[in-house]
PDB file of N, CA and C in Angstrom:
ATOM      1  N   UNK A   1      -1.025 -10.070  -6.023  1.00  0.00           N
ATOM      2  CA  UNK A   1      -1.279 -11.235  -4.927  1.00  0.00           C
ATOM      3  C   UNK A   1       0.245 -11.305  -4.021  1.00  0.00           C
ATOM      4  N   UNK A   2       0.201 -11.708  -2.756  1.00  0.00           N
ATOM      5  CA  UNK A   2       1.210 -11.756  -2.043  1.00  0.00           C
ATOM      6  C   UNK A   2       2.037 -13.290  -2.460  1.00  0.00           C
ATOM      7  N   UNK A   3       3.300 -13.399  -2.262  1.00  0.00           N
ATOM      8  CA  UNK A   3       4.153 -14.330  -2.278  1.00  0.00           C
ATOM      9  C   UNK A   3       4.494 -14.856  -0.830  1.00  0.00           C
ATOM     10  N   UNK A   4       4.566 -16.176  -0.794  1.00  0.00           N
ATOM     11  CA  UNK A   4       4.803 -17.132   0.348  1.00  0.00           C
ATOM     12  C   UNK A   4       5.790 -18.112  -0.030  1.00  0.00           C
ATOM     13  N   UNK A   5       6.755 -18.273   1.266  1.00  0.00           N
ATOM     14  CA  UNK A   5       7.483 -19.196   1.112  1.00  0.00           C
ATOM     15  C   UNK A   5       7.018 -20.551   1.581  1.00  0.00           C
ATOM     16  N   UNK A   6       6.762 -21.553   0.537  1.00  0.00           N
ATOM     17  CA  UNK A   6       6.235 -22.829   1.166  1.00  0.00           C
ATOM     18  C   UNK A   6       7.518 -24.017   1.008  1.00  0.00           C
ATOM     19  N   UNK A   7       7.147 -25.059   2.149  1.00  0.00           N
ATOM     20  CA  UNK A   7       8.269 -25.637   2.153  1.00  0.00           C
ATOM     21  C   UNK A   7       7.287 -27.391   2.020  1.00  0.00           C
ATOM     22  N   UNK A   8       7.888 -28.127   1.123  1.00  0.00           N
ATOM     23  CA  UNK A   8       7.451 -29.505   0.837  1.00  0.00           C
ATOM     24  C   UNK A   8       7.728 -30.237   2.025  1.00  0.00           C
ATOM     25  N   UNK A   9       6.720 -30.608   2.637  1.00  0.00           N
ATOM     26  CA  UNK A   9       7.025 -31.833   3.927  1.00  0.00           C
ATOM     27  C   UNK A   9       7.741 -32.988   3.635  1.00  0.00           C
ATOM     28  N   UNK A  10       7.486 -33.453   2.465  1.00  0.00           N
ATOM     29  CA  UNK A  10       8.284 -34.907   2.016  1.00  0.00           C
ATOM     30  C   UNK A  10       9.842 -34.636   1.731  1.00  0.00           C
ATOM     31  N   UNK A  11       9.971 -33.538   0.898  1.00  0.00           N
ATOM     32  CA  UNK A  11      11.422 -33.512   0.160  1.00  0.00           C
ATOM     33  C   UNK A  11      12.159 -32.262   1.030  1.00  0.00           C
ATOM     34  N   UNK A  12      11.249 -31.214   1.875  1.00  0.00           N
ATOM     35  CA  UNK A  12      12.283 -30.281   2.453  1.00  0.00           C
ATOM     36  C   UNK A  12      12.328 -29.097   1.415  1.00  0.00           C
ATOM     37  N   UNK A  13      11.998 -29.285   0.143  1.00  0.00           N
ATOM     38  CA  UNK A  13      12.003 -28.253  -0.755  1.00  0.00           C
ATOM     39  C   UNK A  13      11.458 -27.189  -0.208  1.00  0.00           C
ATOM     40  N   UNK A  14      11.884 -25.801  -0.497  1.00  0.00           N
ATOM     41  CA  UNK A  14      11.476 -24.631  -0.232  1.00  0.00           C
ATOM     42  C   UNK A  14      11.286 -23.905  -1.724  1.00  0.00           C
ATOM     43  N   UNK A  15      10.173 -23.356  -1.702  1.00  0.00           N
ATOM     44  CA  UNK A  15       9.568 -22.687  -3.056  1.00  0.00           C
ATOM     45  C   UNK A  15       8.775 -21.624  -2.905  1.00  0.00           C
ATOM     46  N   UNK A  16       9.160 -20.392  -3.573  1.00  0.00           N
ATOM     47  CA  UNK A  16       8.240 -19.167  -3.483  1.00  0.00           C
ATOM     48  C   UNK A  16       7.469 -19.311  -3.930  1.00  0.00           C
ATOM     49  N   UNK A  17       6.105 -18.789  -3.769  1.00  0.00           N
ATOM     50  CA  UNK A  17       4.834 -19.248  -4.729  1.00  0.00           C
ATOM     51  C   UNK A  17       4.004 -17.790  -4.249  1.00  0.00           C
ATOM     52  N   UNK A  18       3.317 -17.345  -5.728  1.00  0.00           N
ATOM     53  CA  UNK A  18       2.299 -16.180  -5.821  1.00  0.00           C
ATOM     54  C   UNK A  18       1.072 -16.812  -5.655  1.00  0.00           C
ATOM     55  N   UNK A  19       0.623 -16.624  -4.525  1.00  0.00           N
ATOM     56  CA  UNK A  19      -0.529 -17.210  -4.331  1.00  0.00           C
ATOM     57  C   UNK A  19      -1.945 -16.228  -3.931  1.00  0.00           C
ATOM     58  N   UNK A  20      -3.340 -16.394  -4.160  1.00  0.00           N
ATOM     59  CA  UNK A  20      -4.268 -15.714  -3.587  1.00  0.00           C
ATOM     60  C   UNK A  20      -4.401 -16.555  -2.095  1.00  0.00           C
ATOM     61  N   UNK A  21      -5.350 -15.797  -1.157  1.00  0.00           N
ATOM     62  CA  UNK A  21      -5.270 -16.563   0.111  1.00  0.00           C
ATOM     63  C   UNK A  21      -6.283 -17.788  -0.097  1.00  0.00           C
ATOM     64  N   UNK A  22      -6.945 -18.081  -0.875  1.00  0.00           N
ATOM     65  CA  UNK A  22      -7.774 -19.132  -1.256  1.00  0.00           C
ATOM     66  C   UNK A  22      -6.802 -20.079  -1.603  1.00  0.00           C
ATOM     67  N   UNK A  23      -5.883 -19.767  -2.561  1.00  0.00           N
ATOM     68  CA  UNK A  23      -5.115 -20.764  -3.227  1.00  0.00           C
ATOM     69  C   UNK A  23      -4.122 -21.509  -2.155  1.00  0.00           C
ATOM     70  N   UNK A  24      -3.415 -20.313  -1.209  1.00  0.00           N
ATOM     71  CA  UNK A  24      -2.509 -20.684  -0.393  1.00  0.00           C
ATOM     72  C   UNK A  24      -3.315 -21.855   0.838  1.00  0.00           C
ATOM     73  N   UNK A  25      -4.558 -21.378   1.093  1.00  0.00           N
ATOM     74  CA  UNK A  25      -5.022 -22.188   2.177  1.00  0.00           C
ATOM     75  C   UNK A  25      -5.488 -23.778   1.445  1.00  0.00           C
ATOM     76  N   UNK A  26      -5.519 -23.915   0.422  1.00  0.00           N
ATOM     77  CA  UNK A  26      -5.670 -25.189  -0.313  1.00  0.00           C
ATOM     78  C   UNK A  26      -4.256 -25.978  -0.469  1.00  0.00           C
ATOM     79  N   UNK A  27      -3.060 -25.071  -0.212  1.00  0.00           N
ATOM     80  CA  UNK A  27      -2.024 -25.953  -0.391  1.00  0.00           C
ATOM     81  C   UNK A  27      -1.837 -26.524   1.281  1.00  0.00           C
ATOM     82  N   UNK A  28      -2.136 -25.437   1.871  1.00  0.00           N
ATOM     83  CA  UNK A  28      -2.063 -26.072   3.330  1.00  0.00           C
ATOM     84  C   UNK A  28      -2.770 -27.071   3.748  1.00  0.00           C
ATOM     85  N   UNK A  29      -3.862 -26.927   3.307  1.00  0.00           N
ATOM     86  CA  UNK A  29      -4.858 -28.106   3.769  1.00  0.00           C
ATOM     87  C   UNK A  29      -4.626 -29.303   3.336  1.00  0.00           C
ATOM     88  N   UNK A  30      -3.988 -29.615   2.144  1.00  0.00           N
ATOM     89  CA  UNK A  30      -3.320 -30.672   1.728  1.00  0.00           C
ATOM     90  C   UNK A  30      -2.637 -31.458   2.311  1.00  0.00           C
ATOM     91  N   UNK A  31      -2.104 -30.828   3.067  1.00  0.00           N
ATOM     92  CA  UNK A  31      -0.819 -31.400   3.987  1.00  0.00           C
ATOM     93  C   UNK A  31       0.596 -31.727   3.400  1.00  0.00           C
ATOM     94  N   UNK A  32       0.751 -31.330   2.267  1.00  0.00           N
ATOM     95  CA  UNK A  32       1.975 -31.854   1.568  1.00  0.00           C
ATOM     96  C   UNK A  32       2.832 -30.534   1.765  1.00  0.00           C
ATOM     97  N   UNK A  33       2.196 -29.175   1.984  1.00  0.00           N
ATOM     98  CA  UNK A  33       3.065 -28.146   1.801  1.00  0.00           C
ATOM     99  C   UNK A  33       2.676 -27.341   3.439  1.00  0.00           C
ATOM    100  N   UNK A  34       3.803 -26.506   3.811  1.00  0.00           N
ATOM    101  CA  UNK A  34       3.742 -25.881   4.823  1.00  0.00           C
ATOM    102  C   UNK A  34       4.585 -24.629   4.718  1.00  0.00           C
ATOM    103  N   UNK A  35       3.962 -23.630   5.472  1.00  0.00           N
ATOM    104  CA  UNK A  35       4.284 -22.215   4.848  1.00  0.00           C
ATOM    105  C   UNK A  35       5.302 -21.659   5.954  1.00  0.00           C
ATOM    106  N   UNK A  36       6.408 -21.151   5.215  1.00  0.00           N
ATOM    107  CA  UNK A  36       7.563 -20.704   6.068  1.00  0.00           C
ATOM    108  C   UNK A  36       7.012 -19.517   6.491  1.00  0.00           C
ATOM    109  N   UNK A  37       7.236 -19.220   8.016  1.00  0.00           N
ATOM    110  CA  UNK A  37       6.957 -17.833   8.616  1.00  0.00           C
ATOM    111  C   UNK A  37       8.114 -16.962   8.532  1.00  0.00           C
ATOM    112  N   UNK A  38       8.029 -15.760   7.399  1.00  0.00           N
ATOM    113  CA  UNK A  38       9.216 -14.768   7.349  1.00  0.00           C
ATOM    114  C   UNK A  38       8.820 -13.828   7.872  1.00  0.00           C
ATOM    115  N   UNK A  39       9.697 -12.547   7.833  1.00  0.00           N
ATOM    116  CA  UNK A  39       8.973 -11.035   7.644  1.00  0.00           C
ATOM    117  C   UNK A  39       8.764 -10.348   6.814  1.00  0.00           C
ATOM    118  N   UNK A  40       8.060  -9.885   6.920  1.00  0.00           N
ATOM    119  CA  UNK A  40       7.396  -8.718   5.530  1.00  0.00           C
ATOM    120  C   UNK A  40       8.591  -8.060   5.272  1.00  0.00           C
ATOM    121  N   UNK A  41       8.819  -7.746   3.698  1.00  0.00           N
ATOM    122  CA  UNK A  41       9.821  -7.065   3.148  1.00  0.00           C
ATOM    123  C   UNK A  41       9.737  -5.629   2.911  1.00  0.00           C
ATOM    124  N   UNK A  42      10.359  -4.994   3.407  1.00  0.00           N
ATOM    125  CA  UNK A  42       9.954  -3.440   3.578  1.00  0.00           C
ATOM    126  C   UNK A  42      10.997  -2.615   2.363  1.00  0.00           C
ATOM    127  N   UNK A  43      10.189  -1.815   1.667  1.00  0.00           N
ATOM    128  CA  UNK A  43      11.044  -1.387   0.668  1.00  0.00           C
ATOM    129  C   UNK A  43      11.578   0.400   1.178  1.00  0.00           C
ATOM    130  N   UNK A  44      12.364   0.871   1.657  1.00  0.00           N
ATOM    131  CA  UNK A  44      13.092   1.858   1.992  1.00  0.00           C
ATOM    132  C   UNK A  44      13.369   2.817   0.926  1.00  0.00           C
ATOM    133  N   UNK A  45      13.543   4.080   1.391  1.00  0.00           N
ATOM    134  CA  UNK A  45      13.439   5.169   0.180  1.00  0.00           C
ATOM    135  C   UNK A  45      15.084   5.198   0.063  1.00  0.00           C
ATOM    136  N   UNK A  46      15.301   5.725  -1.466  1.00  0.00           N
ATOM    137  CA  UNK A  46      16.739   5.548  -1.543  1.00  0.00           C
ATOM    138  C   UNK A  46      16.776   7.344  -1.947  1.00  0.00           C
ATOM    139  N   UNK A  47      17.977   7.943  -1.696  1.00  0.00           N
ATOM    140  CA  UNK A  47      18.165   9.329  -1.650  1.00  0.00           C
ATOM    141  C   UNK A  47      17.307  10.203  -0.903  1.00  0.00           C
ATOM    142  N   UNK A  48      17.430  11.482  -0.843  1.00  0.00           N
ATOM    143  CA  UNK A  48      16.729  12.390   0.197  1.00  0.00           C
ATOM    144  C   UNK A  48      15.469  12.949  -0.366  1.00  0.00           C
ATOM    145  N   UNK A  49      14.413  12.857   0.156  1.00  0.00           N
ATOM    146  CA  UNK A  49      13.123  13.403  -0.207  1.00  0.00           C
ATOM    147  C   UNK A  49      13.363  15.065  -0.908  1.00  0.00           C
ATOM    148  N   UNK A  50      14.468  15.624  -0.479  1.00  0.00           N
ATOM    149  CA  UNK A  50      14.411  16.929  -0.996  1.00  0.00           C
ATOM    150  C   UNK A  50      14.736  16.881  -2.270  1.00  0.00           C
ATOM    151  N   UNK A  51      15.494  15.893  -2.699  1.00  0.00           N
ATOM    152  CA  UNK A  51      16.148  16.024  -3.975  1.00  0.00           C
ATOM    153  C   UNK A  51      15.035  15.410  -5.076  1.00  0.00           C
ATOM    154  N   UNK A  52      13.719  14.879  -4.514  1.00  0.00           N
ATOM    155  CA  UNK A  52      12.995  14.575  -5.556  1.00  0.00           C
ATOM    156  C   UNK A  52      11.709  15.351  -5.483  1.00  0.00           C
ATOM    157  N   UNK A  53      11.906  16.495  -4.826  1.00  0.00           N
ATOM    158  CA  UNK A  53      10.773  17.610  -4.888  1.00  0.00           C
ATOM    159  C   UNK A  53      11.007  18.627  -6.012  1.00  0.00           C
ATOM    160  N   UNK A  54       9.744  19.279  -6.091  1.00  0.00           N
ATOM    161  CA  UNK A  54       9.884  20.456  -7.162  1.00  0.00           C
ATOM    162  C   UNK A  54      10.688  21.693  -6.591  1.00  0.00           C
ATOM    163  N   UNK A  55      10.982  22.432  -7.645  1.00  0.00           N
ATOM    164  CA  UNK A  55      11.824  23.561  -7.466  1.00  0.00           C
ATOM    165  C   UNK A  55      10.546  24.367  -6.451  1.00  0.00           C
ATOM    166  N   UNK A  56       9.554  24.679  -6.826  1.00  0.00           N
ATOM    167  CA  UNK A  56       8.317  25.146  -6.048  1.00  0.00           C
ATOM    168  C   UNK A  56       8.586  24.820  -4.471  1.00  0.00           C
ATOM    169  N   UNK A  57       8.842  23.758  -4.005  1.00  0.00           N
ATOM    170  CA  UNK A  57       8.790  23.298  -2.762  1.00  0.00           C
ATOM    171  C   UNK A  57      10.256  23.874  -2.082  1.00  0.00           C
ATOM    172  N   UNK A  58      11.291  23.722  -2.944  1.00  0.00           N
ATOM    173  CA  UNK A  58      12.572  24.217  -2.665  1.00  0.00           C
ATOM    174  C   UNK A  58      12.416  25.904  -2.480  1.00  0.00           C
ATOM    175  N   UNK A  59      11.869  26.390  -3.057  1.00  0.00           N
ATOM    176  CA  UNK A  59      11.488  27.772  -2.988  1.00  0.00           C
ATOM    177  C   UNK A  59      10.722  28.320  -1.430  1.00  0.00           C
ATOM    178  N   UNK A  60       9.769  27.453  -1.287  1.00  0.00           N
ATOM    179  CA  UNK A  60       9.185  27.772  -0.130  1.00  0.00           C
ATOM    180  C   UNK A  60      10.006  27.439   1.451  1.00  0.00           C
ATOM    181  N   UNK A  61      10.812  26.288   0.991  1.00  0.00           N
ATOM    182  CA  UNK A  61      11.666  26.109   2.148  1.00  0.00           C
ATOM    183  C   UNK A  61      12.687  27.237   2.208  1.00  0.00           C
ATOM    184  N   UNK A  62      13.310  27.733   1.192  1.00  0.00           N
ATOM    185  CA  UNK A  62      14.224  28.750   1.390  1.00  0.00           C
ATOM    186  C   UNK A  62      13.576  30.160   2.100  1.00  0.00           C
ATOM    187  N   UNK A  63      12.202  30.365   1.658  1.00  0.00           N
ATOM    188  CA  UNK A  63      11.493  31.394   2.295  1.00  0.00           C
ATOM    189  C   UNK A  63      11.257  31.469   3.814  1.00  0.00           C
ATOM    190  N   UNK A  64      11.066  30.087   4.046  1.00  0.00           N
ATOM    191  CA  UNK A  64      11.009  29.489   5.611  1.00  0.00           C
ATOM    192  C   UNK A  64      12.279  30.205   6.321  1.00  0.00           C
ATOM    193  N   UNK A  65      13.203  29.491   5.602  1.00  0.00           N
ATOM    194  CA  UNK A  65      14.466  29.443   6.472  1.00  0.00           C
ATOM    195  C   UNK A  65      14.860  30.852   6.685  1.00  0.00           C
ATOM    196  N   UNK A  66      14.457  31.786   5.411  1.00  0.00           N
ATOM    197  CA  UNK A  66      14.994  32.926   5.490  1.00  0.00           C
ATOM    198  C   UNK A  66      13.998  34.118   6.247  1.00  0.00           C
ATOM    199  N   UNK A  67      12.859  33.504   6.757  1.00  0.00           N
ATOM    200  CA  UNK A  67      12.190  34.282   7.669  1.00  0.00           C
ATOM    201  C   UNK A  67      12.171  33.771   9.151  1.00  0.00           C
ATOM    202  N   UNK A  68      13.028  32.690   9.261  1.00  0.00           N
ATOM    203  CA  UNK A  68      13.001  32.076  10.674  1.00  0.00           C
ATOM    204  C   UNK A  68      13.922  32.583  11.438  1.00  0.00           C
ATOM    205  N   UNK A  69      14.772  33.697  11.026  1.00  0.00           N
ATOM    206  CA  UNK A  69      15.707  34.284  12.038  1.00  0.00           C
ATOM    207  C   UNK A  69      17.026  33.637  11.997  1.00  0.00           C
ATOM    208  N   UNK A  70      17.755  34.648  12.539  1.00  0.00           N
ATOM    209  CA  UNK A  70      19.366  34.350  12.771  1.00  0.00           C
ATOM    210  C   UNK A  70      19.410  33.015  13.636  1.00  0.00           C
ATOM    211  N   UNK A  71      20.349  32.122  13.236  1.00  0.00           N
ATOM    212  CA  UNK A  71      21.017  31.040  13.807  1.00  0.00           C
ATOM    213  C   UNK A  71      19.874  29.969  13.633  1.00  0.00           C
ATOM    214  N   UNK A  72      19.384  29.918  12.704  1.00  0.00           N
ATOM    215  CA  UNK A  72      18.215  28.878  12.600  1.00  0.00           C
ATOM    216  C   UNK A  72      19.122  27.307  12.002  1.00  0.00           C
ATOM    217  N   UNK A  73      18.567  26.512  12.499  1.00  0.00           N
ATOM    218  CA  UNK A  73      19.338  25.275  11.922  1.00  0.00           C
ATOM    219  C   UNK A  73      18.541  24.417  10.665  1.00  0.00           C
ATOM    220  N   UNK A  74      17.814  25.053   9.925  1.00  0.00           N
ATOM    221  CA  UNK A  74      16.977  24.585   8.667  1.00  0.00           C
ATOM    222  C   UNK A  74      18.145  24.413   7.555  1.00  0.00           C
ATOM    223  N   UNK A  75      18.136  22.773   7.240  1.00  0.00           N
ATOM    224  CA  UNK A  75      19.110  22.726   6.045  1.00  0.00           C
ATOM    225  C   UNK A  75      18.503  22.485   4.819  1.00  0.00           C
ATOM    226  N   UNK A  76      18.971  23.019   3.773  1.00  0.00           N
ATOM    227  CA  UNK A  76      18.477  22.882   2.705  1.00  0.00           C
ATOM    228  C   UNK A  76      19.375  21.870   1.840  1.00  0.00           C
TER     229      UNK A  76
END
C-alpha cells in the first residue's frame, strides 16, 4: 500500500500514513485531514551493473570487446 503524508487541518500536525486508496478518500472526505503533495520517492541503483552480473556475462562482453577491433572504447 502507498504511504501518504497527511496534515491535520486543526493542529497542523503532519503524519505519514500507509493507507489504501479507499481509506485515503475517507480521511480526505472527513474534512479533518488534507494530503500534503510531494514527489514520488525513487530508489536508484548503488554500484555498477557490471559488478552485479554473472561471470558468463562478463565473458561475453570480453569476447565482444576482442572482436570489435583495434581502438574500441568498450570498458569492462
